[in-house]
Amino acid sequence: MIESKNSDEGKMLIDSIEKCLDEFIRPALASHGGDVELLALEDKVLRLKLLGQCSACPSAMLTMEEFIEPVILNEFPDEVERVVMDAGISDELWYEAKRILASRGK
C-alpha cells in the first residue's frame, strides 16, 4: 500500500519518487536488462522490487544498498528513512517448492 495515495500530497510524493527512479535509477538498471517497481511507501519505508535481469542477479542486494538506497535517501531525506527490496517469489516457484518438500516426506 502506498501511504496517503489518495491525498494530493501523497500522490505528489509518489510521483516525485517515480521521477527520481526514472532519472537516476532506471537508466542504469536498463543497461543491465533490468528495471525497478515501486511497491509501497509505509512509515517512511520504501519497498521496491527489482525486475528483469536485475531480479535474479547475485548483486541485487548490493545494488539496492549501495546504489538505489543512497540516491533515494539523498533526494527524499524527510520522507524516506529506509529502502528495502521485495524479493518475493512467483506463485509457480512457491507451489513447486511445496510439492518437492511434500514428496520428501513420503
N, C-alpha and C. Protein backbone atom coordinates (compact mmCIF):
# COMPACT_ATOMS: atom_id res chain seq x y z
N MET A 1 0.85 -1.18 0.00
CA MET A 1 0.00 0.00 0.00
C MET A 1 0.89 1.24 0.00
N ILE A 2 0.48 2.20 -0.76
CA ILE A 2 1.22 3.45 -0.81
C ILE A 2 0.58 4.44 0.15
N GLU A 3 1.40 4.93 1.06
CA GLU A 3 0.96 5.85 2.09
C GLU A 3 0.30 7.07 1.48
N SER A 4 -0.86 7.43 1.98
CA SER A 4 -1.57 8.64 1.56
C SER A 4 -1.74 8.74 0.05
N LYS A 5 -1.97 7.61 -0.60
CA LYS A 5 -2.05 7.63 -2.06
C LYS A 5 -3.25 8.41 -2.57
N ASN A 6 -4.25 8.60 -1.73
CA ASN A 6 -5.42 9.34 -2.16
C ASN A 6 -5.29 10.83 -1.92
N SER A 7 -4.34 11.24 -1.13
CA SER A 7 -4.16 12.67 -0.88
C SER A 7 -3.29 13.26 -1.98
N ASP A 8 -3.48 14.55 -2.20
CA ASP A 8 -2.65 15.24 -3.20
C ASP A 8 -1.18 15.18 -2.81
N GLU A 9 -0.90 15.34 -1.52
CA GLU A 9 0.48 15.31 -1.03
C GLU A 9 1.11 13.94 -1.24
N GLY A 10 0.35 12.88 -0.94
CA GLY A 10 0.85 11.52 -1.13
C GLY A 10 1.10 11.21 -2.59
N LYS A 11 0.17 11.63 -3.45
CA LYS A 11 0.35 11.41 -4.89
C LYS A 11 1.56 12.17 -5.41
N MET A 12 1.74 13.40 -4.94
CA MET A 12 2.88 14.19 -5.38
C MET A 12 4.20 13.54 -4.95
N LEU A 13 4.23 12.97 -3.73
CA LEU A 13 5.43 12.30 -3.24
C LEU A 13 5.75 11.08 -4.09
N ILE A 14 4.74 10.27 -4.35
CA ILE A 14 4.94 9.06 -5.17
C ILE A 14 5.39 9.46 -6.57
N ASP A 15 4.77 10.48 -7.14
CA ASP A 15 5.18 10.95 -8.47
C ASP A 15 6.63 11.43 -8.45
N SER A 16 7.03 12.11 -7.38
CA SER A 16 8.42 12.59 -7.27
C SER A 16 9.40 11.43 -7.15
N ILE A 17 9.02 10.40 -6.40
CA ILE A 17 9.89 9.23 -6.27
C ILE A 17 10.01 8.52 -7.62
N GLU A 18 8.89 8.37 -8.32
CA GLU A 18 8.92 7.75 -9.65
C GLU A 18 9.81 8.55 -10.60
N LYS A 19 9.73 9.87 -10.54
CA LYS A 19 10.57 10.72 -11.39
C LYS A 19 12.05 10.51 -11.05
N CYS A 20 12.37 10.39 -9.77
CA CYS A 20 13.74 10.13 -9.34
C CYS A 20 14.20 8.77 -9.87
N LEU A 21 13.35 7.77 -9.77
CA LEU A 21 13.69 6.45 -10.30
C LEU A 21 13.94 6.53 -11.80
N ASP A 22 13.07 7.26 -12.51
CA ASP A 22 13.22 7.41 -13.96
C ASP A 22 14.52 8.11 -14.33
N GLU A 23 14.87 9.13 -13.57
CA GLU A 23 16.03 9.94 -13.91
C GLU A 23 17.36 9.33 -13.50
N PHE A 24 17.42 8.77 -12.31
CA PHE A 24 18.70 8.33 -11.75
C PHE A 24 18.91 6.81 -11.71
N ILE A 25 17.85 6.05 -11.54
CA ILE A 25 17.98 4.61 -11.26
C ILE A 25 17.70 3.75 -12.49
N ARG A 26 16.57 3.97 -13.12
CA ARG A 26 16.16 3.09 -14.23
C ARG A 26 17.14 3.04 -15.39
N PRO A 27 17.76 4.15 -15.79
CA PRO A 27 18.72 4.04 -16.90
C PRO A 27 19.88 3.08 -16.59
N ALA A 28 20.39 3.12 -15.39
CA ALA A 28 21.49 2.22 -15.02
C ALA A 28 21.01 0.77 -15.00
N LEU A 29 19.82 0.54 -14.43
CA LEU A 29 19.29 -0.83 -14.40
C LEU A 29 18.99 -1.34 -15.80
N ALA A 30 18.45 -0.46 -16.65
CA ALA A 30 18.11 -0.85 -18.03
C ALA A 30 19.35 -1.28 -18.80
N SER A 31 20.49 -0.68 -18.49
CA SER A 31 21.72 -1.05 -19.19
C SER A 31 22.16 -2.48 -18.85
N HIS A 32 21.56 -3.05 -17.82
CA HIS A 32 21.82 -4.44 -17.43
C HIS A 32 20.60 -5.33 -17.66
N GLY A 33 19.62 -4.80 -18.39
CA GLY A 33 18.43 -5.59 -18.69
C GLY A 33 17.43 -5.63 -17.56
N GLY A 34 17.45 -4.64 -16.68
CA GLY A 34 16.55 -4.64 -15.53
C GLY A 34 15.71 -3.39 -15.40
N ASP A 35 14.94 -3.36 -14.34
CA ASP A 35 14.06 -2.24 -14.03
C ASP A 35 13.74 -2.32 -12.54
N VAL A 36 12.96 -1.36 -12.07
CA VAL A 36 12.55 -1.34 -10.68
C VAL A 36 11.08 -0.91 -10.61
N GLU A 37 10.35 -1.50 -9.68
CA GLU A 37 8.95 -1.17 -9.46
C GLU A 37 8.77 -0.67 -8.04
N LEU A 38 8.08 0.44 -7.89
CA LEU A 38 7.75 0.97 -6.56
C LEU A 38 6.51 0.22 -6.07
N LEU A 39 6.66 -0.50 -4.96
CA LEU A 39 5.56 -1.29 -4.43
C LEU A 39 4.79 -0.58 -3.34
N ALA A 40 5.51 0.06 -2.42
CA ALA A 40 4.82 0.66 -1.27
C ALA A 40 5.71 1.68 -0.59
N LEU A 41 5.06 2.62 0.06
CA LEU A 41 5.71 3.56 0.97
C LEU A 41 4.86 3.61 2.22
N GLU A 42 5.38 3.02 3.29
CA GLU A 42 4.66 2.96 4.55
C GLU A 42 5.63 3.27 5.69
N ASP A 43 5.22 4.18 6.56
CA ASP A 43 6.03 4.53 7.72
C ASP A 43 7.46 4.89 7.34
N LYS A 44 7.60 5.64 6.26
CA LYS A 44 8.89 6.12 5.75
C LYS A 44 9.81 5.00 5.26
N VAL A 45 9.23 3.82 4.98
CA VAL A 45 9.97 2.71 4.40
C VAL A 45 9.47 2.51 2.97
N LEU A 46 10.37 2.66 2.02
CA LEU A 46 10.05 2.50 0.61
C LEU A 46 10.39 1.08 0.20
N ARG A 47 9.38 0.35 -0.31
CA ARG A 47 9.58 -1.02 -0.77
C ARG A 47 9.63 -1.04 -2.28
N LEU A 48 10.71 -1.57 -2.81
CA LEU A 48 10.91 -1.66 -4.25
C LEU A 48 11.12 -3.11 -4.66
N LYS A 49 10.86 -3.40 -5.92
CA LYS A 49 11.11 -4.73 -6.46
C LYS A 49 11.94 -4.57 -7.72
N LEU A 50 13.06 -5.28 -7.77
CA LEU A 50 13.88 -5.29 -8.97
C LEU A 50 13.26 -6.24 -9.98
N LEU A 51 13.29 -5.84 -11.25
CA LEU A 51 12.66 -6.62 -12.31
C LEU A 51 13.68 -7.00 -13.38
N GLY A 52 13.28 -7.90 -14.27
CA GLY A 52 14.14 -8.31 -15.37
C GLY A 52 15.39 -9.01 -14.89
N GLN A 53 16.50 -8.75 -15.58
CA GLN A 53 17.76 -9.40 -15.23
C GLN A 53 18.21 -9.04 -13.82
N CYS A 54 17.84 -7.87 -13.34
CA CYS A 54 18.27 -7.44 -12.01
C CYS A 54 17.60 -8.26 -10.89
N SER A 55 16.43 -8.82 -11.16
CA SER A 55 15.71 -9.55 -10.12
C SER A 55 16.44 -10.82 -9.69
N ALA A 56 17.17 -11.44 -10.60
CA ALA A 56 17.86 -12.69 -10.28
C ALA A 56 19.37 -12.51 -10.16
N CYS A 57 19.82 -11.29 -10.21
CA CYS A 57 21.25 -11.01 -10.16
C CYS A 57 21.82 -11.27 -8.76
N PRO A 58 22.98 -11.91 -8.68
CA PRO A 58 23.60 -12.13 -7.37
C PRO A 58 23.94 -10.82 -6.65
N SER A 59 24.05 -9.74 -7.40
CA SER A 59 24.38 -8.45 -6.80
C SER A 59 23.15 -7.59 -6.53
N ALA A 60 21.97 -8.16 -6.57
CA ALA A 60 20.74 -7.39 -6.39
C ALA A 60 20.71 -6.65 -5.06
N MET A 61 21.06 -7.32 -3.98
CA MET A 61 21.04 -6.67 -2.66
C MET A 61 22.07 -5.55 -2.59
N LEU A 62 23.24 -5.79 -3.15
CA LEU A 62 24.28 -4.76 -3.19
C LEU A 62 23.82 -3.56 -4.02
N THR A 63 23.16 -3.82 -5.14
CA THR A 63 22.62 -2.75 -5.98
C THR A 63 21.64 -1.90 -5.18
N MET A 64 20.79 -2.57 -4.41
CA MET A 64 19.80 -1.85 -3.60
C MET A 64 20.49 -1.03 -2.52
N GLU A 65 21.42 -1.64 -1.79
CA GLU A 65 22.04 -0.97 -0.64
C GLU A 65 23.06 0.10 -1.04
N GLU A 66 23.82 -0.15 -2.09
CA GLU A 66 24.92 0.75 -2.44
C GLU A 66 24.58 1.76 -3.55
N PHE A 67 23.52 1.51 -4.30
CA PHE A 67 23.19 2.40 -5.40
C PHE A 67 21.81 3.05 -5.21
N ILE A 68 20.78 2.23 -5.12
CA ILE A 68 19.42 2.77 -5.10
C ILE A 68 19.11 3.49 -3.80
N GLU A 69 19.36 2.85 -2.66
CA GLU A 69 19.02 3.46 -1.37
C GLU A 69 19.70 4.81 -1.15
N PRO A 70 21.00 4.96 -1.40
CA PRO A 70 21.63 6.27 -1.20
C PRO A 70 21.01 7.38 -2.07
N VAL A 71 20.65 7.05 -3.30
CA VAL A 71 20.04 8.06 -4.17
C VAL A 71 18.69 8.49 -3.60
N ILE A 72 17.87 7.53 -3.22
CA ILE A 72 16.54 7.84 -2.68
C ILE A 72 16.65 8.63 -1.38
N LEU A 73 17.53 8.20 -0.47
CA LEU A 73 17.66 8.89 0.82
C LEU A 73 18.20 10.31 0.63
N ASN A 74 19.04 10.50 -0.35
CA ASN A 74 19.57 11.83 -0.63
C ASN A 74 18.49 12.75 -1.19
N GLU A 75 17.65 12.21 -2.06
CA GLU A 75 16.60 13.01 -2.69
C GLU A 75 15.39 13.24 -1.79
N PHE A 76 15.13 12.32 -0.86
CA PHE A 76 13.94 12.39 0.00
C PHE A 76 14.30 12.16 1.47
N PRO A 77 15.17 12.99 2.04
CA PRO A 77 15.65 12.75 3.40
C PRO A 77 14.57 12.85 4.48
N ASP A 78 13.54 13.63 4.25
CA ASP A 78 12.48 13.78 5.25
C ASP A 78 11.34 12.79 5.08
N GLU A 79 11.22 12.24 3.88
CA GLU A 79 10.08 11.37 3.57
C GLU A 79 10.40 9.88 3.63
N VAL A 80 11.67 9.52 3.40
CA VAL A 80 12.06 8.10 3.34
C VAL A 80 13.25 7.88 4.27
N GLU A 81 13.11 6.91 5.17
CA GLU A 81 14.21 6.56 6.09
C GLU A 81 14.93 5.29 5.68
N ARG A 82 14.22 4.39 4.99
CA ARG A 82 14.82 3.13 4.55
C ARG A 82 14.25 2.73 3.21
N VAL A 83 15.08 2.04 2.44
CA VAL A 83 14.63 1.45 1.17
C VAL A 83 14.89 -0.04 1.29
N VAL A 84 13.86 -0.83 1.06
CA VAL A 84 14.01 -2.28 1.16
C VAL A 84 13.59 -2.93 -0.15
N MET A 85 14.19 -4.08 -0.40
CA MET A 85 13.91 -4.82 -1.62
C MET A 85 12.91 -5.93 -1.32
N ASP A 86 11.88 -6.00 -2.12
CA ASP A 86 10.93 -7.10 -2.05
C ASP A 86 11.49 -8.21 -2.92
N ALA A 87 11.85 -9.30 -2.30
CA ALA A 87 12.44 -10.42 -3.03
C ALA A 87 11.45 -11.57 -3.11
N GLY A 88 10.19 -11.21 -3.34
CA GLY A 88 9.15 -12.22 -3.43
C GLY A 88 9.41 -13.22 -4.55
N ILE A 89 8.80 -14.37 -4.41
CA ILE A 89 8.94 -15.40 -5.44
C ILE A 89 7.60 -15.58 -6.14
N SER A 90 7.65 -16.11 -7.32
CA SER A 90 6.43 -16.33 -8.09
C SER A 90 5.60 -17.44 -7.45
N ASP A 91 4.31 -17.42 -7.71
CA ASP A 91 3.43 -18.47 -7.20
C ASP A 91 3.85 -19.84 -7.72
N GLU A 92 4.27 -19.88 -8.98
CA GLU A 92 4.68 -21.16 -9.57
C GLU A 92 5.87 -21.76 -8.82
N LEU A 93 6.85 -20.93 -8.51
CA LEU A 93 8.02 -21.42 -7.79
C LEU A 93 7.64 -21.86 -6.38
N TRP A 94 6.77 -21.11 -5.74
CA TRP A 94 6.33 -21.46 -4.39
C TRP A 94 5.61 -22.82 -4.40
N TYR A 95 4.70 -23.05 -5.33
CA TYR A 95 3.98 -24.32 -5.39
C TYR A 95 4.91 -25.48 -5.72
N GLU A 96 5.88 -25.24 -6.59
CA GLU A 96 6.84 -26.29 -6.94
C GLU A 96 7.69 -26.65 -5.72
N ALA A 97 8.13 -25.67 -4.97
CA ALA A 97 8.92 -25.93 -3.76
C ALA A 97 8.10 -26.73 -2.76
N LYS A 98 6.84 -26.36 -2.58
CA LYS A 98 5.97 -27.10 -1.65
C LYS A 98 5.77 -28.54 -2.12
N ARG A 99 5.62 -28.72 -3.43
CA ARG A 99 5.44 -30.07 -3.98
C ARG A 99 6.67 -30.93 -3.71
N ILE A 100 7.85 -30.37 -3.93
CA ILE A 100 9.09 -31.10 -3.71
C ILE A 100 9.25 -31.46 -2.23
N LEU A 101 8.99 -30.51 -1.37
CA LEU A 101 9.12 -30.77 0.07
C LEU A 101 8.10 -31.80 0.54
N ALA A 102 6.89 -31.75 0.01
CA ALA A 102 5.86 -32.73 0.39
C ALA A 102 6.24 -34.13 -0.08
N SER A 103 6.87 -34.23 -1.25
CA SER A 103 7.24 -35.54 -1.77
C SER A 103 8.37 -36.18 -0.95
N ARG A 104 9.16 -35.38 -0.30
CA ARG A 104 10.26 -35.91 0.53
C ARG A 104 9.74 -36.56 1.79
N GLY A 105 8.58 -36.15 2.24
CA GLY A 105 8.01 -36.69 3.48
C GLY A 105 7.36 -38.04 3.29
N LYS A 106 7.24 -38.49 2.05
CA LYS A 106 6.55 -39.77 1.78
C LYS A 106 7.51 -40.92 1.82
